[in-house]
Amino acid sequence: GQRREVRGGSLQAHIGSVADLNDVARILQAFQAASAFQGVASWSYAYRFIQLPQESQSQEHAEAQGVILEGLEDGLDDGCGEKILSVLRRASIQGMLLLVSRWQDHGRNLGLEIFGLEIYALVVE
């Protein structure tokens, strides 16, 4: 997504297709290593995907055969990962990592210190 300027910094959403925890790790490492993101103060994210049994090669009826795995990380912004996961759940999205990067004009403070509870609305938006 486009970087959105907010009081004291900016937020940007990113998505990636994931089928397992290796995909999640690979995407996170790629973003965090990219020179364009070296100034990010906090990374919050959530993911959901269907883990298929080893013997199942078919994607057909995957949800009935597999287990939905979910995970989240708040970064410095307590509760933001859970808000992002709630967006994925409400939309029944699977196979996706939704990552929000937060830049700050000065230092690395907690989002709640800067934005208060408004941080949650900004992240979900």
C-alpha atoms as a PDB file:
ATOM      1  CA  GLY A   1       0.000   0.000   0.000  1.00  0.00           C
ATOM      2  CA  GLN A   2       0.926   3.636  -0.140  1.00  0.00           C
ATOM      3  CA  ARG A   3       2.696   5.229   2.768  1.00  0.00           C
ATOM      4  CA  ARG A   4       0.220   7.278   4.791  1.00  0.00           C
ATOM      5  CA  GLU A   5       1.450  10.299   6.713  1.00  0.00           C
ATOM      6  CA  VAL A   6       0.097  10.572  10.242  1.00  0.00           C
ATOM      7  CA  ARG A   7       0.965  12.787  13.173  1.00  0.00           C
ATOM      8  CA  GLY A   8       4.563  12.111  14.156  1.00  0.00           C
ATOM      9  CA  GLY A   9       5.361   9.681  11.359  1.00  0.00           C
ATOM     10  CA  SER A  10       3.736   7.417   8.790  1.00  0.00           C
ATOM     11  CA  LEU A  11       2.267   3.950   8.267  1.00  0.00           C
ATOM     12  CA  GLN A  12       2.411   1.614   5.288  1.00  0.00           C
ATOM     13  CA  ALA A  13       0.685  -1.713   4.716  1.00  0.00           C
ATOM     14  CA  HIS A  14       2.269  -4.589   2.810  1.00  0.00           C
ATOM     15  CA  ILE A  15       0.948  -8.023   1.829  1.00  0.00           C
ATOM     16  CA  GLY A  16       2.543 -11.294   0.860  1.00  0.00           C
ATOM     17  CA  SER A  17       1.272 -14.701  -0.142  1.00  0.00           C
ATOM     18  CA  VAL A  18       2.221 -17.395   2.393  1.00  0.00           C
ATOM     19  CA  ALA A  19       1.760 -21.166   2.491  1.00  0.00           C
ATOM     20  CA  ASP A  20       3.963 -21.960   5.495  1.00  0.00           C
ATOM     21  CA  LEU A  21       6.118 -20.428   8.237  1.00  0.00           C
ATOM     22  CA  ASN A  22       9.134 -20.372   5.919  1.00  0.00           C
ATOM     23  CA  ASP A  23       7.251 -18.011   3.595  1.00  0.00           C
ATOM     24  CA  VAL A  24       6.407 -15.753   6.543  1.00  0.00           C
ATOM     25  CA  ALA A  25      10.049 -15.614   7.655  1.00  0.00           C
ATOM     26  CA  ARG A  26      11.321 -15.038   4.107  1.00  0.00           C
ATOM     27  CA  ILE A  27       8.960 -12.114   3.472  1.00  0.00           C
ATOM     28  CA  LEU A  28       9.681 -10.491   6.840  1.00  0.00           C
ATOM     29  CA  GLN A  29      13.431 -10.779   6.303  1.00  0.00           C
ATOM     30  CA  ALA A  30      13.152  -9.299   2.806  1.00  0.00           C
ATOM     31  CA  PHE A  31      11.221  -6.248   4.009  1.00  0.00           C
ATOM     32  CA  GLN A  32      13.404  -5.663   7.052  1.00  0.00           C
ATOM     33  CA  ALA A  33      16.607  -5.954   4.997  1.00  0.00           C
ATOM     34  CA  ALA A  34      15.449  -3.638   2.192  1.00  0.00           C
ATOM     35  CA  SER A  35      17.178  -0.258   2.216  1.00  0.00           C
ATOM     36  CA  ALA A  36      13.838   1.545   1.762  1.00  0.00           C
ATOM     37  CA  PHE A  37      12.699   0.220   5.163  1.00  0.00           C
ATOM     38  CA  GLN A  38      15.786   0.836   7.313  1.00  0.00           C
ATOM     39  CA  GLY A  39      14.054   3.726   9.092  1.00  0.00           C
ATOM     40  CA  VAL A  40      11.032   1.707  10.234  1.00  0.00           C
ATOM     41  CA  ALA A  41      10.465   2.103  13.977  1.00  0.00           C
ATOM     42  CA  SER A  42       8.040  -0.823  14.368  1.00  0.00           C
ATOM     43  CA  TRP A  43       6.744  -3.794  12.384  1.00  0.00           C
ATOM     44  CA  SER A  44       3.314  -5.229  13.242  1.00  0.00           C
ATOM     45  CA  TYR A  45       1.880  -8.161  11.333  1.00  0.00           C
ATOM     46  CA  ALA A  46      -0.435 -11.135  11.215  1.00  0.00           C
ATOM     47  CA  TYR A  47      -0.762 -14.137   8.942  1.00  0.00           C
ATOM     48  CA  ARG A  48      -3.187 -16.969   8.216  1.00  0.00           C
ATOM     49  CA  PHE A  49      -2.696 -20.020   6.052  1.00  0.00           C
ATOM     50  CA  ILE A  50      -3.903 -23.578   5.752  1.00  0.00           C
ATOM     51  CA  GLN A  51      -1.360 -26.203   6.731  1.00  0.00           C
ATOM     52  CA  LEU A  52      -2.082 -29.317   4.724  1.00  0.00           C
ATOM     53  CA  PRO A  53      -1.259 -32.806   5.951  1.00  0.00           C
ATOM     54  CA  GLN A  54       2.022 -34.097   4.465  1.00  0.00           C
ATOM     55  CA  GLU A  55       0.320 -36.753   2.344  1.00  0.00           C
ATOM     56  CA  SER A  56      -2.175 -34.295   0.820  1.00  0.00           C
ATOM     57  CA  GLN A  57      -0.937 -32.840  -2.468  1.00  0.00           C
ATOM     58  CA  SER A  58      -4.280 -31.511  -3.656  1.00  0.00           C
ATOM     59  CA  GLN A  59      -5.402 -27.968  -2.896  1.00  0.00           C
ATOM     60  CA  GLU A  60      -8.997 -29.098  -3.501  1.00  0.00           C
ATOM     61  CA  HIS A  61     -10.930 -29.231  -0.225  1.00  0.00           C
ATOM     62  CA  ALA A  62      -7.833 -27.867   1.559  1.00  0.00           C
ATOM     63  CA  GLU A  63      -9.725 -26.313   4.450  1.00  0.00           C
ATOM     64  CA  ALA A  64     -11.505 -29.583   5.241  1.00  0.00           C
ATOM     65  CA  GLN A  65      -8.201 -31.488   5.197  1.00  0.00           C
ATOM     66  CA  GLY A  66      -5.879 -28.979   6.790  1.00  0.00           C
ATOM     67  CA  VAL A  67      -5.599 -26.749   9.808  1.00  0.00           C
ATOM     68  CA  ILE A  68      -5.692 -22.958   9.713  1.00  0.00           C
ATOM     69  CA  LEU A  69      -2.518 -21.592  11.286  1.00  0.00           C
ATOM     70  CA  GLU A  70      -2.434 -17.998  12.510  1.00  0.00           C
ATOM     71  CA  GLY A  71       0.241 -15.851  14.021  1.00  0.00           C
ATOM     72  CA  LEU A  72       0.899 -12.245  14.898  1.00  0.00           C
ATOM     73  CA  GLU A  73       3.511  -9.805  16.132  1.00  0.00           C
ATOM     74  CA  ASP A  74       2.868  -6.421  17.702  1.00  0.00           C
ATOM     75  CA  GLY A  75       6.333  -4.953  17.288  1.00  0.00           C
ATOM     76  CA  LEU A  76       6.488  -1.920  19.571  1.00  0.00           C
ATOM     77  CA  ASP A  77       2.746  -1.334  19.235  1.00  0.00           C
ATOM     78  CA  ASP A  78       0.906  -3.494  21.762  1.00  0.00           C
ATOM     79  CA  GLY A  79      -2.293  -4.941  20.357  1.00  0.00           C
ATOM     80  CA  CYS A  80      -1.687  -4.023  16.703  1.00  0.00           C
ATOM     81  CA  GLY A  81      -0.924  -7.573  15.605  1.00  0.00           C
ATOM     82  CA  GLU A  82      -4.255  -8.729  17.040  1.00  0.00           C
ATOM     83  CA  LYS A  83      -6.079  -5.926  15.173  1.00  0.00           C
ATOM     84  CA  ILE A  84      -4.405  -6.957  11.917  1.00  0.00           C
ATOM     85  CA  LEU A  85      -5.324 -10.613  12.531  1.00  0.00           C
ATOM     86  CA  SER A  86      -8.935  -9.577  13.143  1.00  0.00           C
ATOM     87  CA  VAL A  87      -8.998  -7.976   9.672  1.00  0.00           C
ATOM     88  CA  LEU A  88      -7.800 -11.246   8.106  1.00  0.00           C
ATOM     89  CA  ARG A  89     -10.358 -13.269  10.083  1.00  0.00           C
ATOM     90  CA  ARG A  90     -13.308 -10.969   9.307  1.00  0.00           C
ATOM     91  CA  ALA A  91     -12.552 -11.178   5.598  1.00  0.00           C
ATOM     92  CA  SER A  92     -11.872 -14.956   5.822  1.00  0.00           C
ATOM     93  CA  ILE A  93      -8.481 -14.380   4.194  1.00  0.00           C
ATOM     94  CA  GLN A  94      -6.082 -17.307   4.166  1.00  0.00           C
ATOM     95  CA  GLY A  95      -2.649 -17.642   2.618  1.00  0.00           C
ATOM     96  CA  MET A  96      -1.668 -14.070   3.410  1.00  0.00           C
ATOM     97  CA  LEU A  97       0.745 -12.084   5.548  1.00  0.00           C
ATOM     98  CA  LEU A  98      -0.439  -8.534   6.293  1.00  0.00           C
ATOM     99  CA  LEU A  99       2.403  -6.354   7.555  1.00  0.00           C
ATOM    100  CA  VAL A 100       2.238  -2.732   8.754  1.00  0.00           C
ATOM    101  CA  SER A 101       5.431  -0.707   8.988  1.00  0.00           C
ATOM    102  CA  ARG A 102       5.457   2.421  11.156  1.00  0.00           C
ATOM    103  CA  TRP A 103       7.974   5.207  10.733  1.00  0.00           C
ATOM    104  CA  GLN A 104       8.491   7.829  13.383  1.00  0.00           C
ATOM    105  CA  ASP A 105       9.872  11.334  12.938  1.00  0.00           C
ATOM    106  CA  HIS A 106      12.131  11.084  16.000  1.00  0.00           C
ATOM    107  CA  GLY A 107      13.351   8.026  17.928  1.00  0.00           C
ATOM    108  CA  ARG A 108      11.528   4.751  18.506  1.00  0.00           C
ATOM    109  CA  ASN A 109       8.611   5.240  20.889  1.00  0.00           C
ATOM    110  CA  LEU A 110       5.642   3.008  21.433  1.00  0.00           C
ATOM    111  CA  GLY A 111       2.775   3.792  19.081  1.00  0.00           C
ATOM    112  CA  LEU A 112       0.404   4.076  22.032  1.00  0.00           C
ATOM    113  CA  GLU A 113       2.565   6.868  23.470  1.00  0.00           C
ATOM    114  CA  ILE A 114       2.296   8.870  20.259  1.00  0.00           C
ATOM    115  CA  PHE A 115      -1.198   8.068  18.992  1.00  0.00           C
ATOM    116  CA  GLY A 116      -3.061   6.667  21.978  1.00  0.00           C
ATOM    117  CA  LEU A 117      -5.810   4.235  21.027  1.00  0.00           C
ATOM    118  CA  GLU A 118      -6.025   5.906  17.603  1.00  0.00           C
ATOM    119  CA  ILE A 119      -3.103   3.635  16.567  1.00  0.00           C
ATOM    120  CA  TYR A 120      -5.554   0.725  16.287  1.00  0.00           C
ATOM    121  CA  ALA A 121      -7.891   2.585  13.912  1.00  0.00           C
ATOM    122  CA  LEU A 122      -4.920   3.711  11.814  1.00  0.00           C
ATOM    123  CA  VAL A 123      -3.561   0.169  11.512  1.00  0.00           C
ATOM    124  CA  VAL A 124      -6.921  -1.396  10.642  1.00  0.00           C
ATOM    125  CA  GLU A 125      -7.709   1.313   8.109  1.00  0.00           C
END
